Amino acid sequence: MYIIGVDIGTTSTKAVLFDNDGNALAREEKQYPLLSPVKGSAEQDSDEIADACFHCIRELIRSRSLNADVIEAISFSAVMHSLVITDASGKPKTPLITWADERSSDKTNQLKETYGLRFYERTGTPLHPMSPLAKLAWITAGNAPWDLTADDHVLSIKDYVFYRLFGTFVTDESVASSSGLYDLYTRTWNKEALDAAGVKEHQLPTIMETTSALRGLDTAIANDLGVHPETPFVLGASDGVLANLGADADVGDTVVTIGTSGAIRAIVASPVTHEQGHTFCYHLTADAFVIGGAINNGGVALQWTKEHLFKEAYEGRPEAERDVWFEELAKQAPIGCEGLLCLPYLYGERAPYWTTGVTGGFVGMSSRNEQPHFARAVYEGVMYQMNLMAQDIAEMVPENKQLLVNGGFVRSSFWVQMMADILEREIIVPEHHDASSKGAAMLARNALNKPPFEKKNGKITSYKPDKEQSVLYEQAFTKYKKWANAMLAME
């Protein structure tokens, strides 16, 4: 018997087949574009993404020649902060507006001036253009190319996928809690937030627990996917919270993910918010929540630097050698880059300040600085930004236990060791892939009233901080904080 974990991401959807022991046996992936037709926009086609989900499920089952009866459940993970408005019949009126869309920036600033931290303290979602609350307020104020009418529905991408499957409008508590409209304490839509967004409760989907399952697929849809009509489709949760669950993190553990962007998260037993609004707090299950912060500029900052500041040298090498060359170049510079610092805000920034329009740059530059300094400064700048959030998390989670890491950056032992030295923490790299898909499968086990997957002591790599290097990084980090605050003051 098998469970399929589907992870709807920003640029692709993945479906992973898990056996009863939690082993990932097969994987199917389908990519799709992120479009920016006008300045500040970041849009997608909701139907293209839904079709990608169905493709991945169908091909995963077909490629393994699986009988429909052996699929116990299909469970979902999805990217946060997406928004699509449909008409009464469920047909999209708008493109899918993603977390990266910045067009509601001015409206966000107005909401901050009016409400301060009031919504954040109830919803756990900082006021930021990523938030569906801000996007809806922008739309209903008449500033967007579309409107919202009384019979329309407001959905996330996962909500829309479930509508395509079952013809009903439902959402899970985790995705709802990343909308800025969900009250963490009453576990319902927050009336004041709805008023600020200009949306009515009947326009929003019905909220269900993350372990809730829908059954009763139309026979034609079931046959197309290769499943039984009564196969349970578990609502699941958002990708961020499931990345912690899938990494086998316990309450008190911290998980850092750095791919294109980055995030640091910890599981807590009850809602916790930051007194200055630095962190988010999202729902996982009835007795588990995930707090943390996200940055826009993770691996994408390195890639931009390689392709723009080192373009000729980088692209002049064989593709397989490019990233190794750049890392070796960075290693030639000393810790602290002789005073050079990179504020890596190439694509704005989220945590810990949740600002709009902030820009970055290189500061502290002198005649001593050469190419290796600039390369290394970007590696360090991303980690200094992560450290700002790590310090907040450490204050909020007193029993801060293990620090687990995943994402593409773990392929660089140089960068992971730098994190250990800057955060002054032992870093554990577990052998986990597709953590969000596995987290979705783990929720399905709960929904089926089956015991959790047994935690396995797979291959683990550990990085311990070097005390002497930590001292040098701390000196540079102190300067970084001053420059970051100065840059924010200029926004």
Foldseek 3Di string as FASTA:
>chain_A
DWEWFWEQELFKIKIFIADPQLDTDDMDMDGDDFDDPDPQFTFAALVVSLVRRLVRLQCVCVVVVHAQVVHQAYFYAYAALWKFKAALQLHTPDTTTALLRQPLQVVLVVCCVVQPCPLCVFLLEDRFSSALLSVLLCQCVPNDPDHHDPSMAMAGSLQSSVCVFPVAGEAEQQRVSNRSQAGQPVRHGDPVSCVSSVHDPVRYHHYDHQLDWDAQTDPVSCVSSNHDRGRTYGNHHYLVVLLCVLVVADAQEWEWEFAQKIKIKGKHQGDDADPNRQKGWGDHGPGIIMIIWIWNHGVVLLVCCCCPVVNCVQVVDPVVCRVVVLVVLLVVADQCLQQKAWQSCCSHTCGRVNHPPFDIGIPRDDPVGDDNSVSNRSLLNSLLRRLVGVVVVCVVRVSNDAYEYDYPVVVDPVSVLSNCLQNQHKYKYAPGDPSSSSSRVQSNCVSVVHDGNDDDPHDMDIHGHDPVSSVSSVVSSVVVVVVVVVSVVVD
